């Protein structure tokens, strides 16, 4: 069974190795390029702190550091979690 808690965004890193082109015609290599992000979220369950990572796609604005995010975790293993961005 899944439970929900609120976590805090600790870090956001851009994945430069995966480029998504947004324009059909480009003038240079990064013209119209968009990059996905990996978001690290720290959350607490029963007094223990955990960190989960979430993938934010290229078309989604990632949350800023310090913002709140919803985290869904397994009741029997709180270290297994997913985040709703």
N, C-alpha and C. Protein backbone atom coordinates (compact mmCIF):
# COMPACT_ATOMS: atom_id res chain seq x y z
N UNK A 1 0.84 -1.18 0.00
CA UNK A 1 0.00 0.00 0.00
C UNK A 1 0.88 1.24 0.00
N UNK A 2 0.45 2.25 -0.71
CA UNK A 2 1.23 3.49 -0.79
C UNK A 2 0.66 4.54 0.14
N UNK A 3 1.57 5.30 0.70
CA UNK A 3 1.21 6.46 1.51
C UNK A 3 1.84 7.69 0.89
N UNK A 4 1.37 8.85 1.28
CA UNK A 4 1.86 10.10 0.71
C UNK A 4 2.44 10.99 1.78
N UNK A 5 3.51 11.68 1.43
CA UNK A 5 4.11 12.67 2.30
C UNK A 5 4.60 13.82 1.43
N UNK A 6 5.06 14.87 2.07
CA UNK A 6 5.60 16.01 1.34
C UNK A 6 7.10 16.07 1.57
N UNK A 7 7.84 16.25 0.49
CA UNK A 7 9.28 16.34 0.57
C UNK A 7 9.76 17.70 0.10
N UNK A 8 11.05 17.94 0.29
CA UNK A 8 11.67 19.19 -0.13
C UNK A 8 12.70 18.91 -1.21
N UNK A 9 12.68 19.70 -2.28
CA UNK A 9 13.64 19.53 -3.37
C UNK A 9 15.02 19.97 -2.88
N UNK A 10 15.99 19.06 -3.00
CA UNK A 10 17.35 19.31 -2.52
C UNK A 10 18.25 19.77 -3.66
N UNK A 11 18.11 19.14 -4.83
CA UNK A 11 18.98 19.47 -5.96
C UNK A 11 18.26 19.22 -7.28
N UNK A 12 18.61 20.02 -8.27
CA UNK A 12 18.09 19.84 -9.63
C UNK A 12 19.30 19.91 -10.56
N UNK A 13 19.49 18.85 -11.35
CA UNK A 13 20.63 18.85 -12.28
C UNK A 13 20.13 18.60 -13.70
N UNK A 14 20.67 19.36 -14.62
CA UNK A 14 20.31 19.25 -16.03
C UNK A 14 21.13 18.14 -16.67
N UNK A 15 20.47 17.32 -17.47
CA UNK A 15 21.14 16.22 -18.16
C UNK A 15 21.56 16.68 -19.55
N UNK A 16 22.78 17.17 -19.67
CA UNK A 16 23.26 17.72 -20.93
C UNK A 16 23.54 16.65 -21.97
N UNK A 17 23.65 15.40 -21.57
CA UNK A 17 23.96 14.34 -22.51
C UNK A 17 22.75 13.90 -23.32
N UNK A 18 21.54 14.34 -22.94
CA UNK A 18 20.33 13.99 -23.67
C UNK A 18 19.65 15.27 -24.14
N UNK A 19 19.80 15.60 -25.41
CA UNK A 19 19.24 16.82 -25.97
C UNK A 19 17.97 16.50 -26.74
N UNK A 20 16.92 17.28 -26.51
CA UNK A 20 15.66 17.12 -27.23
C UNK A 20 15.47 18.36 -28.08
N UNK A 21 15.44 18.18 -29.40
CA UNK A 21 15.26 19.30 -30.31
C UNK A 21 13.79 19.68 -30.38
N UNK A 22 13.50 20.98 -30.22
CA UNK A 22 12.13 21.47 -30.23
C UNK A 22 11.75 22.11 -31.56
N UNK A 23 12.72 22.40 -32.41
CA UNK A 23 12.45 23.06 -33.68
C UNK A 23 12.81 22.14 -34.85
N UNK A 24 12.06 22.19 -35.93
CA UNK A 24 12.40 21.34 -37.08
C UNK A 24 13.63 21.83 -37.83
N UNK A 25 13.89 23.15 -37.80
CA UNK A 25 15.05 23.72 -38.49
C UNK A 25 15.86 24.52 -37.48
N UNK A 26 17.14 24.20 -37.38
CA UNK A 26 18.00 24.86 -36.40
C UNK A 26 19.13 25.60 -37.10
N UNK A 27 19.54 26.73 -36.54
CA UNK A 27 20.65 27.50 -37.09
C UNK A 27 21.99 27.06 -36.51
N UNK A 28 21.98 26.56 -35.28
CA UNK A 28 23.19 26.04 -34.64
C UNK A 28 22.81 24.87 -33.74
N UNK A 29 23.75 24.24 -33.13
CA UNK A 29 23.54 22.97 -32.42
C UNK A 29 22.56 23.08 -31.26
N UNK A 30 22.55 24.19 -30.52
CA UNK A 30 21.67 24.31 -29.35
C UNK A 30 20.46 25.18 -29.60
N UNK A 31 20.17 25.52 -30.84
CA UNK A 31 19.01 26.33 -31.18
C UNK A 31 17.75 25.48 -31.02
N UNK A 32 16.89 25.83 -30.10
CA UNK A 32 15.66 25.09 -29.86
C UNK A 32 15.85 23.82 -29.05
N UNK A 33 17.01 23.65 -28.44
CA UNK A 33 17.28 22.45 -27.66
C UNK A 33 16.68 22.59 -26.25
N UNK A 34 16.20 21.47 -25.73
CA UNK A 34 15.67 21.40 -24.38
C UNK A 34 16.27 20.17 -23.71
N UNK A 35 16.48 20.25 -22.41
CA UNK A 35 17.15 19.16 -21.70
C UNK A 35 16.28 18.68 -20.53
N UNK A 36 16.23 17.36 -20.28
CA UNK A 36 15.53 16.86 -19.10
C UNK A 36 16.34 17.11 -17.83
N UNK A 37 15.68 16.96 -16.68
CA UNK A 37 16.33 17.21 -15.39
C UNK A 37 16.15 16.01 -14.47
N UNK A 38 17.10 15.83 -13.56
CA UNK A 38 16.97 14.88 -12.47
C UNK A 38 16.80 15.69 -11.19
N UNK A 39 15.73 15.39 -10.45
CA UNK A 39 15.38 16.15 -9.25
C UNK A 39 15.57 15.24 -8.04
N UNK A 40 16.33 15.70 -7.03
CA UNK A 40 16.50 14.95 -5.78
C UNK A 40 15.59 15.57 -4.73
N UNK A 41 14.79 14.70 -4.10
CA UNK A 41 13.82 15.15 -3.11
C UNK A 41 14.09 14.43 -1.79
N UNK A 42 14.19 15.20 -0.71
CA UNK A 42 14.40 14.64 0.63
C UNK A 42 13.06 14.64 1.36
N UNK A 43 12.71 13.46 1.92
CA UNK A 43 11.46 13.32 2.66
C UNK A 43 11.72 12.53 3.93
N UNK A 44 10.82 12.66 4.90
CA UNK A 44 10.98 12.02 6.20
C UNK A 44 9.78 11.12 6.48
N UNK A 45 10.08 9.88 6.94
CA UNK A 45 9.03 8.93 7.32
C UNK A 45 9.44 8.33 8.67
N UNK A 46 8.59 8.47 9.67
CA UNK A 46 8.82 7.94 11.01
C UNK A 46 10.16 8.38 11.60
N UNK A 47 10.54 9.62 11.38
CA UNK A 47 11.76 10.17 11.94
C UNK A 47 13.03 9.88 11.15
N UNK A 48 12.94 9.07 10.10
CA UNK A 48 14.12 8.78 9.26
C UNK A 48 14.01 9.58 7.98
N UNK A 49 15.16 10.07 7.51
CA UNK A 49 15.21 10.88 6.31
C UNK A 49 15.64 10.02 5.12
N UNK A 50 14.97 10.20 3.98
CA UNK A 50 15.27 9.47 2.75
C UNK A 50 15.40 10.46 1.61
N UNK A 51 16.05 10.02 0.53
CA UNK A 51 16.19 10.82 -0.67
C UNK A 51 15.69 9.99 -1.85
N UNK A 52 14.83 10.58 -2.66
CA UNK A 52 14.39 9.91 -3.88
C UNK A 52 14.74 10.80 -5.07
N UNK A 53 14.92 10.18 -6.21
CA UNK A 53 15.24 10.91 -7.43
C UNK A 53 14.07 10.79 -8.39
N UNK A 54 13.77 11.86 -9.09
CA UNK A 54 12.68 11.86 -10.06
C UNK A 54 13.19 12.46 -11.36
N UNK A 55 12.64 11.99 -12.46
CA UNK A 55 13.01 12.46 -13.79
C UNK A 55 11.97 13.46 -14.25
N UNK A 56 12.40 14.67 -14.58
CA UNK A 56 11.50 15.69 -15.15
C UNK A 56 11.82 15.78 -16.63
N UNK A 57 10.85 15.51 -17.45
CA UNK A 57 11.05 15.50 -18.90
C UNK A 57 11.48 16.85 -19.45
N UNK A 58 11.83 16.86 -20.73
CA UNK A 58 12.36 18.07 -21.36
C UNK A 58 11.32 19.17 -21.46
N UNK A 59 10.05 18.83 -21.58
CA UNK A 59 9.00 19.84 -21.72
C UNK A 59 8.43 20.32 -20.40
N UNK A 60 8.88 19.76 -19.29
CA UNK A 60 8.34 20.10 -17.97
C UNK A 60 9.30 21.04 -17.25
N UNK A 61 8.75 22.10 -16.64
CA UNK A 61 9.59 22.99 -15.84
C UNK A 61 9.88 22.30 -14.52
N UNK A 62 11.16 22.08 -14.20
CA UNK A 62 11.48 21.40 -12.94
C UNK A 62 11.24 22.33 -11.74
N UNK A 63 10.92 21.77 -10.59
CA UNK A 63 10.75 22.61 -9.41
C UNK A 63 12.10 23.17 -8.96
N UNK A 64 12.05 24.30 -8.29
CA UNK A 64 13.27 24.91 -7.79
C UNK A 64 13.72 24.30 -6.47
N UNK A 65 14.96 24.53 -6.11
CA UNK A 65 15.50 24.02 -4.85
C UNK A 65 14.76 24.69 -3.70
N UNK A 66 14.30 23.88 -2.75
CA UNK A 66 13.57 24.39 -1.60
C UNK A 66 12.05 24.30 -1.75
N UNK A 67 11.56 23.99 -2.93
CA UNK A 67 10.11 23.86 -3.13
C UNK A 67 9.63 22.52 -2.59
N UNK A 68 8.33 22.45 -2.33
CA UNK A 68 7.73 21.21 -1.83
C UNK A 68 7.28 20.34 -3.00
N UNK A 69 7.35 19.02 -2.81
CA UNK A 69 6.90 18.06 -3.82
C UNK A 69 6.23 16.89 -3.12
N UNK A 70 5.22 16.34 -3.75
CA UNK A 70 4.52 15.18 -3.20
C UNK A 70 5.32 13.92 -3.46
N UNK A 71 5.47 13.08 -2.43
CA UNK A 71 6.21 11.83 -2.54
C UNK A 71 5.29 10.70 -2.11
N UNK A 72 5.22 9.66 -2.93
CA UNK A 72 4.44 8.46 -2.62
C UNK A 72 5.42 7.34 -2.32
N UNK A 73 5.28 6.70 -1.15
CA UNK A 73 6.23 5.67 -0.73
C UNK A 73 5.47 4.42 -0.30
N UNK A 74 6.16 3.29 -0.31
CA UNK A 74 5.58 2.03 0.13
C UNK A 74 5.56 1.98 1.64
N UNK A 75 4.48 1.50 2.19
CA UNK A 75 4.33 1.46 3.65
C UNK A 75 5.32 0.49 4.28
N UNK A 76 5.58 -0.66 3.63
CA UNK A 76 6.50 -1.64 4.20
C UNK A 76 7.97 -1.29 3.96
N UNK A 77 8.27 -0.55 2.87
CA UNK A 77 9.66 -0.12 2.59
C UNK A 77 9.64 1.36 2.20
N UNK A 78 9.80 2.27 3.16
CA UNK A 78 9.73 3.71 2.84
C UNK A 78 10.85 4.20 1.93
N UNK A 79 11.92 3.42 1.78
CA UNK A 79 13.00 3.86 0.89
C UNK A 79 12.60 3.74 -0.57
N UNK A 80 11.57 2.96 -0.88
CA UNK A 80 11.06 2.83 -2.25
C UNK A 80 9.99 3.89 -2.44
N UNK A 81 10.28 4.90 -3.25
CA UNK A 81 9.35 6.01 -3.40
C UNK A 81 9.35 6.53 -4.83
N UNK A 82 8.30 7.27 -5.15
CA UNK A 82 8.23 7.98 -6.42
C UNK A 82 7.68 9.37 -6.12
N UNK A 83 8.05 10.31 -6.94
CA UNK A 83 7.65 11.69 -6.72
C UNK A 83 6.71 12.15 -7.82
N UNK A 84 5.77 12.99 -7.47
CA UNK A 84 4.86 13.60 -8.43
C UNK A 84 5.34 15.02 -8.71
N UNK A 85 5.82 15.23 -9.94
CA UNK A 85 6.31 16.56 -10.29
C UNK A 85 5.28 17.29 -11.08
